[in-house]
Structure formats: structure tokens, C-alpha cells
């Protein structure tokens, strides 16, 4: 399929651009309540170019991916054969982390950036199962995630969900988006979820500054949850998988433990601190045949004092 092929989001929604008509590019936002009456909006899926969200979907066994995504993912698997295992363990960490923040910490507001293609249980399903009044804002820059945004906007009647078509690198657009301001109260604690996204942000794009600017907008008592690929336990992550991503035009920057910990500067790490994704508060015994090298993904949650 050519780059100019488009797909229309089923039941497309009203777009709210904080730049206004004719203004500068900015995050567009959709809320659950806008789906019913708004006109359809075309979504350019750019199917000839691999995208990390669609590659992630393929690795999870999903169907919302295209030949370019599958080819790129297979090249990455050739470089690091345990990539599917790492992806699934990362997803499991996201679910446990969200449930812990809602049930044990009592967080009722979540900002999830780098959402990915909906895969149940999604974050809002997990937290609203614990707290039906929980509010969730999703943000992603992949057009196919936008096309599936309706699945992310079907929360509980007492809670709220919203979706931003936005890039992590555009912090100001995310924070200024009307849907975020209408959904979250930034005077109350928020859980900032950056799951498996920062390893797609190279150092030259200032990943630490991006995280710090997002946290600066959140009050004391907010929490930061991150998972991040690493080559500390298997050199094939950095020498095989990452180059395969980059060769297909997808940034990839696995980081070591010291670099990962730096994202939490000034925060209070929650137990068990920095660990591998499968070792962060597991629901049961860890399978004996599941190794740190196979997972190769750091995970942690910290509190803003």
C-alpha cells in the first residue's frame, strides 16, 4: 500500500486542535462524548513505513499491522530472538503497575503516553475495574492507534477517558490539549505512564528533559511508571534488535541501569525499586525458565515528593 493510502476511523470523532483553525500544528484530542455526532476524519496510516506501535502489536500476536511492520519485527527477532517474550512481559508489567497505582496507592488520574494499539486489558480497563471513577488520558502519534481510538474511549459511566493524537516530544501540546485539561485535574496526583516508549527516544531528542517537563506540570503525590529495554543482560538487544529497528527508520536506544535510573532523579522509588519487568511485584512465582536475559526490560515506579 502506498504512503498516501488512508483509512477512516470507524465512528470518527470531533477533533479539538488547541492551535485553532490555521494555527500551528498541535495535539488533537478526542473524548468519549464526541464520537456520536462528529464527522468522519481520514487517517493516513503510512503503511509502507514500519511503526513501533504496530511492530509491538505484531509481537503481541495482534492483527493491526502491515507487511512493513512485520518485516521490521522479524528482522529485530532475528537479532534478539526473545523479543516476543520481552514484549509480553512488558505488557504484563503495565497491567500490574496500573492496578497497583489504582488499588494500593489510590491514584485516580492517569496520563499514558505511547499508548499503542488497544490490547485488552487496556490501562483504563485495569484501573476502572479497581476504581470506576478513574480518569485516563491516552496519547500516541501512530495513525492506526487514532483509527482504533474508540476502543480506548469506552470506560465506565462514572470515569472518563480521552485520547490525544500527539507525540511525546511535543510536551507543551500534550499538556495544553483541551481534552487533557477537561479530563484531568492537574492540581491532584496523576500517574504518568511511559511504558516501552523512552527506548524509542534517542539521546539527541532529550528524553530526560521530556520526562522532567511532564513531571514539572504534575503535583506532589504524582507517580511515574517506566519500562525500558536494556542490553545489560543480553548484548543482542543492543547489537541485534536495536540496529534492526534503526535500519527500518525506527529509533531504538536501549539503555543501561544507570541511564534508566536517571529518569527518576528527584523522585522516591517505590519497592522493589529498579528491577526487571517480570520481577516487579509479580502476581505469582516467576517461571523457572523465564530469564532476565529473555526479558531485558527495566521497570520501576516512583513518587514525586
Protein backbone atom coordinates (compact mmCIF):
# COMPACT_ATOMS: atom_id res chain seq x y z
CA UNK A 1 0.00 0.00 0.00
CA UNK A 2 1.25 3.44 -0.85
CA UNK A 3 2.08 6.16 1.64
CA UNK A 4 -0.92 8.21 0.57
CA UNK A 5 -3.43 5.45 1.32
CA UNK A 6 -5.84 6.46 4.05
CA UNK A 7 -8.17 4.70 6.44
CA UNK A 8 -11.15 6.28 8.10
CA UNK A 9 -11.53 5.76 11.83
CA UNK A 10 -14.76 3.87 12.45
CA UNK A 11 -17.12 6.31 14.12
CA UNK A 12 -14.60 9.14 13.91
CA UNK A 13 -14.69 11.93 16.40
CA UNK A 14 -14.56 15.64 16.79
CA UNK A 15 -11.03 16.98 16.64
CA UNK A 16 -10.05 19.70 19.06
CA UNK A 17 -6.88 21.47 17.98
CA UNK A 18 -5.56 23.82 20.61
CA UNK A 19 -3.83 25.86 17.90
CA UNK A 20 -7.19 26.72 16.34
CA UNK A 21 -8.03 26.96 12.63
CA UNK A 22 -4.98 27.91 10.62
CA UNK A 23 -2.82 27.78 13.73
CA UNK A 24 0.38 25.81 14.27
CA UNK A 25 0.34 22.00 14.38
CA UNK A 26 -0.74 20.77 17.79
CA UNK A 27 -2.11 17.75 19.59
CA UNK A 28 -5.62 16.85 18.53
CA UNK A 29 -7.89 15.40 21.17
CA UNK A 30 -10.93 13.19 21.22
CA UNK A 31 -13.20 12.49 24.17
CA UNK A 32 -15.68 9.66 24.55
CA UNK A 33 -18.64 12.02 24.35
CA UNK A 34 -17.66 13.42 20.95
CA UNK A 35 -17.89 10.18 18.97
CA UNK A 36 -21.63 10.16 18.35
CA UNK A 37 -22.21 13.31 16.31
CA UNK A 38 -18.86 14.20 14.75
CA UNK A 39 -17.98 13.72 11.05
CA UNK A 40 -15.54 11.08 9.89
CA UNK A 41 -11.89 12.10 9.76
CA UNK A 42 -9.46 10.39 7.34
CA UNK A 43 -6.38 8.85 8.95
CA UNK A 44 -3.19 8.38 6.94
CA UNK A 45 -1.77 5.06 8.12
CA UNK A 46 1.57 5.33 6.24
CA UNK A 47 1.51 1.55 5.82
CA UNK A 48 4.72 1.41 3.79
CA UNK A 49 6.72 2.55 6.82
CA UNK A 50 7.14 0.44 9.95
CA UNK A 51 5.97 1.99 13.21
CA UNK A 52 6.99 0.86 16.69
CA UNK A 53 3.34 0.61 17.86
CA UNK A 54 2.39 -1.69 15.00
CA UNK A 55 5.56 -3.76 15.43
CA UNK A 56 4.64 -4.08 19.12
CA UNK A 57 1.17 -5.22 18.09
CA UNK A 58 2.67 -7.88 15.80
CA UNK A 59 5.00 -9.09 18.57
CA UNK A 60 1.99 -9.45 20.87
CA UNK A 61 0.21 -11.54 18.24
CA UNK A 62 -2.14 -8.75 17.12
CA UNK A 63 -3.57 -8.19 13.65
CA UNK A 64 -3.34 -4.40 13.34
CA UNK A 65 -0.05 -4.33 11.47
CA UNK A 66 1.20 -4.31 7.88
CA UNK A 67 3.95 -6.04 5.87
CA UNK A 68 6.47 -3.28 6.62
CA UNK A 69 5.83 -3.69 10.35
CA UNK A 70 6.03 -7.48 10.21
CA UNK A 71 9.23 -7.43 8.15
CA UNK A 72 10.88 -4.99 10.55
CA UNK A 73 9.77 -7.00 13.58
CA UNK A 74 11.10 -10.23 12.07
CA UNK A 75 14.46 -8.56 11.46
CA UNK A 76 14.50 -7.46 15.11
CA UNK A 77 13.59 -11.01 16.18
CA UNK A 78 16.48 -12.34 14.14
CA UNK A 79 18.76 -10.05 16.11
CA UNK A 80 17.15 -10.80 19.51
CA UNK A 81 15.06 -14.00 19.40
CA UNK A 82 13.46 -13.34 22.81
CA UNK A 83 11.81 -10.10 21.71
CA UNK A 84 8.30 -11.59 21.84
CA UNK A 85 8.88 -12.71 25.42
CA UNK A 86 10.22 -9.28 26.37
CA UNK A 87 7.22 -7.59 24.77
CA UNK A 88 4.70 -9.76 26.60
CA UNK A 89 6.44 -9.31 29.94
CA UNK A 90 6.48 -5.57 29.39
CA UNK A 91 2.74 -5.63 28.73
CA UNK A 92 2.16 -7.67 31.88
CA UNK A 93 4.16 -5.10 33.88
CA UNK A 94 1.93 -2.33 32.54
CA UNK A 95 -1.16 -4.13 33.84
CA UNK A 96 0.33 -4.83 37.26
CA UNK A 97 1.66 -1.29 37.59
CA UNK A 98 -1.67 0.30 36.68
CA UNK A 99 -3.55 -1.98 39.08
CA UNK A 100 -1.06 -1.26 41.88
CA UNK A 101 -1.29 2.50 41.39
CA UNK A 102 -5.09 2.42 41.46
CA UNK A 103 -5.62 -0.18 44.19
CA UNK A 104 -2.65 0.27 46.54
CA UNK A 105 -1.60 3.88 46.01
CA UNK A 106 -5.08 5.27 45.36
CA UNK A 107 -4.30 7.17 42.16
CA UNK A 108 -7.42 8.12 40.21
CA UNK A 109 -5.87 10.01 37.26
CA UNK A 110 -3.61 8.52 34.60
CA UNK A 111 -1.71 10.01 31.65
CA UNK A 112 -0.47 7.22 29.37
CA UNK A 113 1.87 8.38 26.60
CA UNK A 114 2.87 5.92 23.89
CA UNK A 115 -0.38 4.02 24.33
CA UNK A 116 -0.07 1.68 21.38
CA UNK A 117 -2.82 -0.23 19.63
CA UNK A 118 -5.62 -1.24 22.01
CA UNK A 119 -5.00 -4.66 23.53
CA UNK A 120 -7.29 -5.78 26.34
CA UNK A 121 -6.87 -5.30 29.19
CA UNK A 122 -6.08 -1.69 28.36
CA UNK A 123 -4.92 0.66 31.09
CA UNK A 124 -8.36 2.25 31.57
CA UNK A 125 -9.97 -1.18 31.86
CA UNK A 126 -7.48 -2.16 34.54
CA UNK A 127 -7.78 0.98 36.66
CA UNK A 128 -11.54 1.44 36.25
CA UNK A 129 -12.04 -2.15 37.34
CA UNK A 130 -10.47 -1.05 40.63
CA UNK A 131 -11.87 2.48 40.70
CA UNK A 132 -14.80 3.10 38.31
CA UNK A 133 -14.35 6.87 38.68
CA UNK A 134 -10.74 6.80 37.44
CA UNK A 135 -9.85 9.20 34.63
CA UNK A 136 -7.44 8.29 31.84
CA UNK A 137 -5.86 10.30 29.04
CA UNK A 138 -4.09 8.36 26.30
CA UNK A 139 -1.59 9.86 23.85
CA UNK A 140 0.06 8.33 20.80
CA UNK A 141 1.29 9.51 17.41
CA UNK A 142 0.59 6.41 15.29
CA UNK A 143 -2.35 6.98 12.91
CA UNK A 144 -3.59 3.41 13.37
CA UNK A 145 -3.91 4.00 17.12
CA UNK A 146 -6.06 7.00 16.27
CA UNK A 147 -8.13 4.80 13.97
CA UNK A 148 -8.79 2.48 16.92
CA UNK A 149 -9.26 5.26 19.46
CA UNK A 150 -12.90 4.31 20.04
CA UNK A 151 -11.72 1.18 21.87
CA UNK A 152 -9.81 3.44 24.26
CA UNK A 153 -12.83 5.64 24.95
CA UNK A 154 -15.24 3.04 26.31
CA UNK A 155 -14.70 3.49 30.00
CA UNK A 156 -17.09 3.31 32.92
CA UNK A 157 -20.00 5.78 33.16
CA UNK A 158 -18.53 7.37 36.28
CA UNK A 159 -15.00 7.61 34.89
CA UNK A 160 -13.63 9.45 31.87
CA UNK A 161 -11.24 8.63 29.06
CA UNK A 162 -9.74 10.84 26.37
CA UNK A 163 -7.28 10.36 23.52
CA UNK A 164 -4.65 12.76 22.18
CA UNK A 165 -3.09 12.39 18.75
CA UNK A 166 0.26 13.66 19.97
CA UNK A 167 3.99 12.92 20.08
CA UNK A 168 5.87 12.51 23.36
CA UNK A 169 8.39 15.02 22.07
CA UNK A 170 5.73 17.76 21.99
CA UNK A 171 5.26 18.09 25.74
CA UNK A 172 3.64 21.52 25.57
CA UNK A 173 0.97 20.34 23.11
CA UNK A 174 0.12 17.39 25.33
CA UNK A 175 -0.16 19.48 28.48
CA UNK A 176 -2.16 22.24 26.80
CA UNK A 177 -4.63 19.95 25.00
CA UNK A 178 -8.22 20.83 25.96
CA UNK A 179 -9.17 17.15 26.37
CA UNK A 180 -6.39 16.63 28.91
CA UNK A 181 -7.39 19.75 30.84
CA UNK A 182 -11.05 18.72 30.69
CA UNK A 183 -10.32 15.16 31.85
CA UNK A 184 -7.55 15.51 34.43
CA UNK A 185 -7.25 17.87 37.38
CA UNK A 186 -3.56 18.75 37.43
CA UNK A 187 -3.90 20.01 41.00
CA UNK A 188 -4.44 16.39 42.06
CA UNK A 189 -1.96 13.48 41.76
CA UNK A 190 -1.55 11.91 38.34
CA UNK A 191 0.18 8.68 37.33
CA UNK A 192 2.39 9.33 34.31
CA UNK A 193 2.79 6.07 32.39
CA UNK A 194 5.69 5.82 29.91
CA UNK A 195 5.66 2.14 29.07
CA UNK A 196 8.11 0.91 26.43
CA UNK A 197 8.39 4.31 24.76
CA UNK A 198 11.54 6.02 26.02
CA UNK A 199 13.81 3.45 24.37
CA UNK A 200 12.50 4.88 21.08
CA UNK A 201 13.73 8.36 22.03
CA UNK A 202 17.45 8.83 21.27
CA UNK A 203 19.65 10.99 23.47
CA UNK A 204 19.70 13.79 20.91
CA UNK A 205 15.94 14.22 21.40
CA UNK A 206 16.40 14.92 25.09
CA UNK A 207 14.46 12.07 26.75
CA UNK A 208 15.37 13.20 30.29
CA UNK A 209 14.18 16.71 29.60
CA UNK A 210 10.90 15.39 28.18
CA UNK A 211 10.20 13.42 31.33
CA UNK A 212 11.23 16.28 33.61
CA UNK A 213 8.96 18.75 31.78
CA UNK A 214 6.00 16.39 32.04
CA UNK A 215 6.62 15.83 35.75
CA UNK A 216 7.02 19.55 36.37
CA UNK A 217 3.35 20.01 35.40
CA UNK A 218 2.17 17.40 37.90
CA UNK A 219 1.67 17.97 41.64
CA UNK A 220 3.27 16.31 44.63
CA UNK A 221 1.98 12.78 45.10
CA UNK A 222 2.03 12.06 41.37
CA UNK A 223 3.78 8.88 40.21
CA UNK A 224 5.98 7.94 37.28
CA UNK A 225 5.93 4.42 35.80
CA UNK A 226 8.53 3.48 33.17
CA UNK A 227 9.62 0.34 31.40
CA UNK A 228 12.65 0.44 29.13
CA UNK A 229 14.62 -2.01 27.01
CA UNK A 230 18.22 -2.74 28.00
CA UNK A 231 21.22 -4.63 26.68
CA UNK A 232 22.61 -5.18 30.18
CA UNK A 233 21.56 -8.84 30.24
CA UNK A 234 21.89 -9.78 26.57
CA UNK A 235 24.16 -7.92 24.18
CA UNK A 236 21.89 -8.98 21.30
CA UNK A 237 19.41 -6.28 22.34
CA UNK A 238 21.91 -3.56 21.51
CA UNK A 239 23.81 -5.39 18.80
CA UNK A 240 20.93 -7.13 17.03
CA UNK A 241 17.45 -5.81 17.76
CA UNK A 242 18.24 -2.08 18.05
CA UNK A 243 20.16 -1.90 14.75
CA UNK A 244 17.31 -3.77 13.03
CA UNK A 245 14.85 -1.13 14.23
CA UNK A 246 17.12 1.72 13.16
CA UNK A 247 17.73 0.14 9.75
CA UNK A 248 13.97 0.41 9.12
CA UNK A 249 13.78 4.04 10.23
CA UNK A 250 12.58 3.38 13.79
CA UNK A 251 14.70 4.94 16.53
CA UNK A 252 15.95 2.49 19.14
CA UNK A 253 18.06 3.35 22.17
CA UNK A 254 18.29 0.60 24.80
CA UNK A 255 19.84 1.97 27.98
CA UNK A 256 21.76 0.55 30.91
CA UNK A 257 20.70 0.61 34.54
CA UNK A 258 22.44 3.87 35.41
CA UNK A 259 20.85 5.65 32.45
CA UNK A 260 17.45 4.19 33.34
CA UNK A 261 17.66 5.29 36.98
CA UNK A 262 18.39 8.82 35.82
CA UNK A 263 14.77 9.18 34.64
CA UNK A 264 13.76 9.07 38.31
CA UNK A 265 16.10 11.81 39.57
CA UNK A 266 14.44 13.72 42.41
CA UNK A 267 11.71 11.09 42.87
CA UNK A 268 11.13 8.45 45.55
CA UNK A 269 11.41 4.95 44.10
CA UNK A 270 8.75 2.52 45.30
CA UNK A 271 9.59 -1.04 46.30
CA UNK A 272 11.04 -3.14 44.78
CA UNK A 273 12.95 -0.25 43.17
CA UNK A 274 14.59 -0.71 39.79
CA UNK A 275 14.27 -4.29 38.57
CA UNK A 276 13.40 -6.33 35.50
CA UNK A 277 9.80 -6.09 34.30
CA UNK A 278 8.88 -9.67 35.26
CA UNK A 279 10.34 -9.17 38.75
CA UNK A 280 8.31 -6.05 39.56
CA UNK A 281 5.64 -7.26 42.01
CA UNK A 282 4.82 -10.47 40.08
CA UNK A 283 1.37 -11.95 40.56
CA UNK A 284 2.83 -15.37 41.33
CA UNK A 285 6.01 -17.41 41.12
CA UNK A 286 8.26 -16.50 38.21
CA UNK A 287 8.60 -19.44 35.80
CA UNK A 288 11.96 -21.13 36.23
CA UNK A 289 12.62 -20.94 32.50
CA UNK A 290 11.99 -17.18 32.28
CA UNK A 291 15.37 -15.45 32.49
CA UNK A 292 16.45 -11.85 32.94
CA UNK A 293 18.19 -12.02 29.56
CA UNK A 294 14.94 -13.01 27.84
CA UNK A 295 13.03 -10.09 29.38
CA UNK A 296 15.79 -7.46 29.07
CA UNK A 297 13.47 -4.67 30.16
CA UNK A 298 13.91 -2.50 33.25
CA UNK A 299 10.85 -1.32 35.14
CA UNK A 300 10.16 0.96 38.09
CA UNK A 301 7.62 3.28 39.68
CA UNK A 302 8.49 6.38 41.68
CA UNK A 303 6.59 9.09 43.58
CA UNK A 304 7.03 12.83 43.18
CA UNK A 305 7.60 14.26 46.68
